[in-house]
Protein backbone atom coordinates (compact mmCIF):
# COMPACT_ATOMS: atom_id res chain seq x y z
CA MET A 1 -170.71 -129.47 84.28
CA ALA A 2 -168.84 -129.31 87.59
CA GLU A 3 -169.45 -133.02 88.15
CA ALA A 4 -168.08 -133.84 84.69
CA LYS A 5 -164.98 -131.76 85.36
CA GLY A 6 -164.54 -133.51 88.69
CA ARG A 7 -164.69 -136.92 87.02
CA ALA A 8 -162.22 -135.79 84.37
CA GLY A 9 -159.85 -134.49 87.03
CA ALA A 10 -160.10 -137.72 89.00
CA GLY A 11 -159.44 -139.71 85.83
CA ARG A 12 -156.34 -137.67 85.04
CA ALA A 13 -155.07 -138.06 88.60
CA ALA A 14 -155.59 -141.84 88.44
CA ALA A 15 -153.77 -142.00 85.10
CA VAL A 16 -150.83 -140.02 86.52
CA LEU A 17 -150.61 -142.35 89.54
CA VAL A 18 -150.60 -145.40 87.26
CA LEU A 19 -147.85 -143.90 85.08
CA VAL A 20 -145.76 -143.00 88.13
CA ALA A 21 -146.14 -146.53 89.50
CA LEU A 22 -145.12 -148.05 86.16
CA ALA A 23 -142.14 -145.70 85.90
CA ALA A 24 -141.03 -146.71 89.43
CA LEU A 25 -140.87 -150.35 88.32
CA ILE A 26 -138.09 -149.53 85.85
CA PRO A 27 -135.45 -148.62 88.47
CA LEU A 28 -136.75 -151.12 91.01
CA LEU A 29 -136.78 -154.19 88.75
CA GLY A 30 -134.40 -152.94 86.07
CA PRO A 31 -131.06 -153.99 87.62
CA SER A 32 -131.91 -157.68 87.84
CA VAL A 33 -133.43 -157.70 84.35
CA ALA A 34 -130.50 -155.83 82.76
CA LEU A 35 -127.89 -157.98 84.52
CA ASP A 36 -129.53 -161.29 83.59
CA GLY A 37 -127.06 -163.43 81.64
CA THR A 38 -124.23 -160.88 81.60
CA GLY A 39 -122.16 -162.47 84.35
CA GLU A 40 -121.97 -159.12 86.16
CA ALA A 41 -122.77 -158.89 89.86
CA GLU A 42 -125.62 -156.76 91.12
CA ALA A 43 -124.65 -154.27 93.80
CA PRO A 44 -126.57 -154.51 97.11
CA GLY A 45 -129.73 -152.42 97.02
CA ALA A 46 -129.26 -151.47 93.36
CA GLY A 47 -133.01 -151.20 92.77
CA GLY A 48 -133.55 -148.87 95.70
CA ILE A 49 -130.57 -146.72 94.76
CA ALA A 50 -131.80 -146.47 91.17
CA LEU A 51 -135.25 -145.41 92.42
CA LEU A 52 -133.76 -142.73 94.69
CA ARG A 53 -131.63 -141.45 91.83
CA THR A 54 -134.71 -141.35 89.57
CA VAL A 55 -136.62 -139.30 92.16
CA LEU A 56 -133.64 -136.96 92.47
CA PHE A 57 -133.50 -136.43 88.69
CA ALA A 58 -137.25 -135.81 88.49
CA ALA A 59 -137.07 -133.40 91.44
CA LEU A 60 -134.39 -131.50 89.56
CA CYS A 61 -136.32 -131.33 86.28
CA ILE A 62 -139.50 -129.79 87.74
CA PRO A 63 -138.11 -126.53 89.23
CA VAL A 64 -135.59 -126.07 86.41
CA GLY A 65 -138.41 -126.40 83.89
CA GLU A 66 -140.62 -123.98 85.79
CA LEU A 67 -137.93 -121.29 85.93
CA PHE A 68 -137.14 -121.78 82.24
CA VAL A 69 -140.71 -121.70 80.88
CA ASN A 70 -141.89 -118.90 83.19
CA ARG A 71 -139.12 -116.81 81.67
CA LEU A 72 -140.29 -117.74 78.16
CA ALA A 73 -143.90 -116.92 79.08
CA ARG A 74 -142.92 -113.40 80.11
CA SER A 75 -141.74 -112.75 76.56
CA VAL A 76 -145.05 -113.79 74.93
CA PRO A 77 -146.71 -110.64 73.54
CA GLY A 78 -149.96 -109.79 75.31
CA ALA A 79 -149.73 -112.62 77.84
CA GLU A 80 -150.67 -111.78 81.41
CA ILE A 81 -147.98 -113.16 83.68
CA GLY A 82 -148.73 -112.90 87.36
CA PRO A 83 -149.94 -114.99 90.27
CA SER A 84 -153.02 -116.00 88.25
CA GLY A 85 -151.19 -116.24 84.92
CA VAL A 86 -149.13 -119.33 85.77
CA PRO A 87 -150.19 -122.56 87.50
CA PRO A 88 -149.25 -123.19 91.14
CA SER A 89 -145.60 -124.07 91.51
CA TRP A 90 -144.63 -127.68 92.11
CA SER A 91 -141.09 -126.65 93.07
CA PRO A 92 -141.57 -126.88 96.88
CA PHE A 93 -142.89 -130.44 96.54
CA ALA A 94 -140.08 -131.33 94.11
CA ALA A 95 -137.47 -129.92 96.51
CA THR A 96 -138.94 -132.00 99.34
CA ALA A 97 -138.80 -135.16 97.23
CA GLY A 98 -135.27 -134.31 96.12
CA PHE A 99 -134.18 -133.69 99.71
CA VAL A 100 -135.54 -137.07 100.84
CA ALA A 101 -133.91 -138.86 97.87
CA ALA A 102 -130.58 -137.11 98.41
CA LEU A 103 -130.74 -137.95 102.13
CA GLY A 104 -131.34 -141.60 101.29
CA LEU A 105 -128.42 -141.65 98.87
CA ALA A 106 -126.20 -139.90 101.43
CA SER A 107 -127.05 -142.62 103.98
CA VAL A 108 -125.86 -145.24 101.49
CA VAL A 109 -122.58 -143.38 100.98
CA ALA A 110 -122.19 -143.06 104.77
CA THR A 111 -122.25 -146.85 105.12
CA GLY A 112 -119.59 -147.50 102.49
CA ASN A 113 -122.02 -147.69 99.56
CA LEU A 114 -124.06 -150.36 101.32
CA VAL A 115 -127.73 -150.16 102.23
CA PRO A 116 -127.87 -149.45 106.00
CA ASP A 117 -129.81 -151.85 108.21
CA GLY A 118 -130.37 -149.18 110.84
CA LEU A 119 -129.39 -145.71 111.99
CA SER A 120 -126.45 -147.12 113.92
CA ASP A 121 -124.84 -148.21 110.64
CA ILE A 122 -124.73 -144.65 109.29
CA ASP A 123 -121.49 -142.76 109.90
CA VAL A 124 -122.55 -139.16 109.26
CA GLY A 125 -119.15 -137.80 110.22
CA GLY A 126 -117.54 -140.08 107.67
CA LEU A 127 -119.28 -138.21 104.87
CA TYR A 128 -116.87 -135.31 105.37
CA ALA A 129 -113.89 -137.61 104.88
CA SER A 130 -114.62 -138.69 101.31
CA ARG A 131 -115.27 -136.97 97.98
CA ASP A 132 -118.54 -138.87 97.41
CA GLY A 133 -119.67 -138.05 100.94
CA LYS A 134 -119.09 -134.32 100.49
CA LEU A 135 -120.95 -134.35 97.18
CA ALA A 136 -123.85 -136.24 98.78
CA LEU A 137 -124.04 -133.67 101.59
CA LEU A 138 -123.92 -130.87 99.03
CA GLU A 139 -126.96 -132.32 97.24
CA VAL A 140 -128.91 -132.70 100.51
CA ASN A 141 -128.22 -129.10 101.52
CA ALA A 142 -128.83 -127.77 98.01
CA PHE A 143 -132.32 -129.29 97.83
CA LEU A 144 -133.08 -127.91 101.30
CA VAL A 145 -132.04 -124.41 100.22
CA ALA A 146 -133.90 -124.78 96.91
CA GLY A 147 -137.10 -125.58 98.79
CA LEU A 148 -136.71 -122.52 101.00
CA CYS A 149 -136.06 -120.35 97.94
CA ALA A 150 -139.10 -121.80 96.16
CA MET A 151 -141.35 -120.73 99.05
CA SER A 152 -139.78 -117.29 99.36
CA ARG A 153 -140.76 -114.06 97.63
CA ARG A 154 -137.97 -114.62 95.11
CA PRO A 155 -138.37 -118.19 93.85
CA ALA A 156 -135.96 -117.48 90.99
CA THR A 157 -133.09 -117.63 93.49
CA GLN A 158 -133.48 -121.42 93.62
CA VAL A 159 -131.51 -121.52 90.37
CA TRP A 160 -128.28 -121.41 92.40
CA PRO A 161 -128.86 -124.43 94.66
CA LEU A 162 -130.28 -126.31 91.67
CA ALA A 163 -127.09 -125.52 89.76
CA ALA A 164 -125.13 -126.88 92.73
CA VAL A 165 -127.04 -130.18 92.48
CA ILE A 166 -126.23 -130.46 88.77
CA VAL A 167 -122.53 -129.75 89.39
CA ALA A 168 -122.45 -132.30 92.23
CA GLU A 169 -124.07 -134.94 90.00
CA ALA A 170 -121.61 -134.23 87.20
CA LEU A 171 -118.65 -134.60 89.58
CA ARG A 172 -120.11 -137.69 91.27
CA ALA A 173 -120.55 -139.50 87.97
CA HIS A 174 -116.86 -139.13 87.12
CA PRO A 175 -114.54 -140.03 90.03
CA ALA A 176 -110.89 -138.98 90.14
CA PRO A 177 -109.45 -142.39 89.06
CA GLU A 178 -111.31 -142.09 85.76
CA HIS A 179 -109.39 -140.99 82.68
CA ALA A 180 -109.90 -137.21 82.10
CA PRO A 181 -112.64 -136.88 84.76
CA LEU A 182 -113.14 -133.15 84.15
CA THR A 183 -114.03 -133.83 80.51
CA GLY A 184 -116.59 -136.41 81.59
CA SER A 185 -117.99 -134.05 84.22
CA ALA A 186 -118.32 -131.26 81.63
CA LEU A 187 -120.23 -133.57 79.28
CA THR A 188 -122.53 -134.71 82.08
CA LEU A 189 -123.05 -131.12 83.25
CA VAL A 190 -124.30 -130.02 79.83
CA HIS A 191 -126.29 -133.22 79.29
CA LEU A 192 -128.08 -133.05 82.63
CA THR A 193 -128.79 -129.32 82.37
CA CYS A 194 -130.28 -129.61 78.88
CA ALA A 195 -132.30 -132.70 79.82
CA ALA A 196 -133.78 -130.96 82.86
CA LEU A 197 -134.69 -127.92 80.77
CA TRP A 198 -136.31 -130.09 78.10
CA ALA A 199 -138.29 -132.48 80.30
CA GLY A 200 -139.25 -130.05 83.05
CA GLY A 201 -139.85 -127.24 80.58
CA LEU A 202 -142.28 -129.21 78.44
CA LEU A 203 -144.23 -130.36 81.49
CA HIS A 204 -144.60 -126.81 82.78
CA ALA A 205 -145.39 -125.43 79.32
CA LEU A 206 -148.33 -127.84 79.02
CA ARG A 207 -149.53 -126.85 82.49
CA ILE A 208 -149.47 -123.18 81.47
CA LEU A 209 -151.29 -123.90 78.21
CA ARG A 210 -154.03 -125.68 80.09
CA LEU A 211 -154.41 -122.68 82.41
CA TRP A 212 -154.33 -120.22 79.51
CA HIS A 213 -156.96 -122.13 77.54
CA GLY A 214 -159.92 -119.77 77.21
CA ARG A 215 -158.08 -116.92 78.99
CA GLN A 216 -155.19 -115.78 76.84
CA GLY A 217 -156.45 -117.13 73.51
CA THR A 218 -154.94 -119.57 71.05
CA GLU A 219 -152.33 -117.10 69.84
CA ALA A 220 -150.61 -116.72 73.21
CA GLY A 221 -150.53 -120.48 73.80
CA ALA A 222 -149.18 -121.18 70.32
CA ALA A 223 -146.55 -118.46 70.78
CA LEU A 224 -145.36 -120.00 74.05
CA LEU A 225 -145.21 -123.49 72.57
CA GLY A 226 -143.33 -122.10 69.56
CA LEU A 227 -140.76 -120.40 71.80
CA TYR A 228 -140.26 -123.63 73.71
CA ALA A 229 -139.97 -125.67 70.50
CA ARG A 230 -137.20 -123.44 69.14
CA VAL A 231 -135.14 -123.79 72.31
CA ALA A 232 -135.93 -127.52 72.52
CA ALA A 233 -134.32 -128.06 69.10
CA VAL A 234 -131.04 -126.67 70.46
CA LEU A 235 -131.42 -128.72 73.66
CA LEU A 236 -131.96 -131.90 71.63
CA ALA A 237 -128.77 -131.28 69.65
CA ALA A 238 -126.78 -130.69 72.85
CA ILE A 239 -128.25 -133.74 74.58
CA THR A 240 -127.46 -135.94 71.57
CA ALA A 241 -123.89 -134.68 71.24
CA THR A 242 -123.05 -134.99 74.94
CA GLY A 243 -124.82 -138.34 75.22
CA VAL A 244 -122.82 -139.80 72.35
CA GLY A 245 -119.61 -138.35 73.79
CA SER A 246 -120.25 -139.78 77.25
CA SER A 247 -121.19 -143.19 75.84
CA LEU A 248 -118.00 -143.42 73.79
CA ARG A 249 -116.00 -142.61 76.92
CA ARG A 250 -117.68 -145.50 78.72
CA MET A 251 -117.59 -147.88 75.76
CA PRO A 252 -114.82 -147.54 73.14
CA PRO A 253 -116.18 -147.42 69.55
CA GLU A 254 -114.90 -150.88 68.65
CA THR A 255 -116.83 -152.47 71.54
CA VAL A 256 -120.09 -150.48 71.45
CA LEU A 257 -122.20 -152.92 69.43
CA GLU A 258 -121.16 -155.88 71.58
CA GLN A 259 -121.61 -154.07 74.89
CA LEU A 260 -125.07 -152.76 73.97
CA THR A 261 -126.36 -156.32 74.30
CA ALA A 262 -123.72 -158.10 76.42
CA THR A 263 -123.55 -155.73 79.41
CA ALA A 264 -126.22 -154.42 81.76
CA TYR A 265 -125.09 -150.83 81.24
CA GLY A 266 -125.19 -151.27 77.47
CA ARG A 267 -128.70 -152.75 77.57
CA ALA A 268 -130.03 -149.91 79.69
CA LEU A 269 -128.27 -147.41 77.43
CA LEU A 270 -129.86 -149.03 74.37
CA ALA A 271 -133.28 -148.73 75.99
CA LYS A 272 -132.60 -145.06 76.72
CA VAL A 273 -131.54 -144.44 73.12
CA LEU A 274 -134.71 -146.05 71.76
CA LEU A 275 -136.84 -143.96 74.12
CA ALA A 276 -134.93 -140.83 73.10
CA ILE A 277 -135.67 -141.60 69.44
CA ALA A 278 -139.36 -141.90 70.31
CA VAL A 279 -139.18 -138.56 72.14
CA ALA A 280 -137.55 -136.90 69.13
CA ALA A 281 -140.22 -138.31 66.81
CA LEU A 282 -143.01 -137.00 69.05
CA ALA A 283 -141.29 -133.62 69.26
CA LEU A 284 -141.11 -133.41 65.46
CA TRP A 285 -144.77 -134.40 65.20
CA ALA A 286 -145.75 -131.69 67.66
CA ARG A 287 -143.62 -129.12 65.83
CA ARG A 288 -145.26 -130.06 62.52
CA ARG A 289 -148.72 -129.61 63.99
CA LEU A 290 -147.72 -126.33 65.55
CA ARG A 291 -146.64 -124.96 62.16
CA ARG A 292 -149.22 -126.44 59.80
CA ALA A 293 -152.41 -127.37 61.66
CA ALA A 294 -155.43 -125.09 61.53
CA ASP A 295 -155.41 -125.14 65.34
CA PRO A 296 -151.77 -124.94 66.48
CA LEU A 297 -152.67 -126.18 69.95
CA THR A 298 -153.41 -129.65 68.56
CA ALA A 299 -149.65 -129.99 69.04
CA CYS A 300 -150.42 -130.53 72.72
CA ALA A 301 -151.52 -134.13 72.05
CA PRO A 302 -148.11 -135.44 70.88
CA ALA A 303 -146.45 -133.13 73.43
CA ARG A 304 -148.31 -134.89 76.26
CA ALA A 305 -147.15 -138.24 74.93
CA GLU A 306 -143.64 -136.78 74.77
CA VAL A 307 -143.80 -135.90 78.47
CA VAL A 308 -144.77 -139.47 79.33
CA VAL A 309 -141.86 -140.92 77.34
CA LEU A 310 -139.50 -138.34 78.86
CA GLY A 311 -140.58 -139.63 82.27
CA LEU A 312 -139.50 -143.10 81.19
CA VAL A 313 -136.17 -141.67 80.01
CA VAL A 314 -135.64 -140.18 83.47
CA ALA A 315 -136.39 -143.57 85.05
CA VAL A 316 -133.92 -145.35 82.76
CA SER A 317 -131.33 -142.66 83.53
CA GLY A 318 -131.75 -143.43 87.23
CA LEU A 319 -131.31 -147.11 86.43
CA LEU A 320 -128.07 -146.45 84.54
CA THR A 321 -126.47 -144.91 87.64
CA ALA A 322 -127.00 -148.14 89.61
CA LEU A 323 -125.47 -150.49 87.02
CA PRO A 324 -121.79 -151.43 86.79
CA VAL A 325 -119.86 -149.36 84.25
CA PRO A 326 -118.69 -151.75 81.48
CA ILE A 327 -115.19 -150.35 81.14
CA ARG A 328 -112.07 -150.75 83.26
CA TRP A 329 -109.97 -147.65 83.72
């Protein structure tokens, strides 16, 4: 029995590594593929920047999801929530990955948005002289503080540095020369927060259900998944509304159809939309099983597939940040 479990665990680990490797190819190879035939120029190091941004987004989703679902789990009737009632936290590892990614992105900003050839090219002091530099430093420090909070006796305090990262990302995505930048930042703030809650929350919910299997009973697991599903419906509506709003700011309505195929940003956005539709379909399938199946926990199968597709959405989101915006302000 132990040997069979060991083989199953090794198989799952191998599958996760393969999926992570495939997801990494999207930001690495995506810029050249998306830009092909558009006439747009690829920025230096676009693939590496997209990969770093993808890691940063993923590192944000994991702790946000853990905080969110642990709070939901505490409201499940009869569930035992304690050190042995939830799986080991991945937040310290996520904070480390986020810190490294933010540091890499800060080094790019410190060299004038160029990939540095060496340490001598990095002007650390120059980061304090620009808006982008200050935001990059804020993200580096916020992930550092989040990691310390995650390893402390009060891991819930990491919500504040994580919120700082989200605010910094929302401000970074909408520079001052842009038309109504605060409106764009507000849309991105809500979009990124809801996306992190959805993706990270579902991942952690499935981890808890696996731990609870055989301990808490089917009822507790189904109750937790039901609580998550109700909140996820609201998150999906918010993500859709803010995503459409942000897209129309980047691409005026009369040019959307053309730009979805003629520009690199539009192509990546179209891929993200198609993946989001797949995620929504899987979420509805899981919700249907949760309500109508004899065993509500059969909803975990489409939910696992949903997590995989959400990972691809995160990768495409990282790619979008490295592509030229198709509108001139």
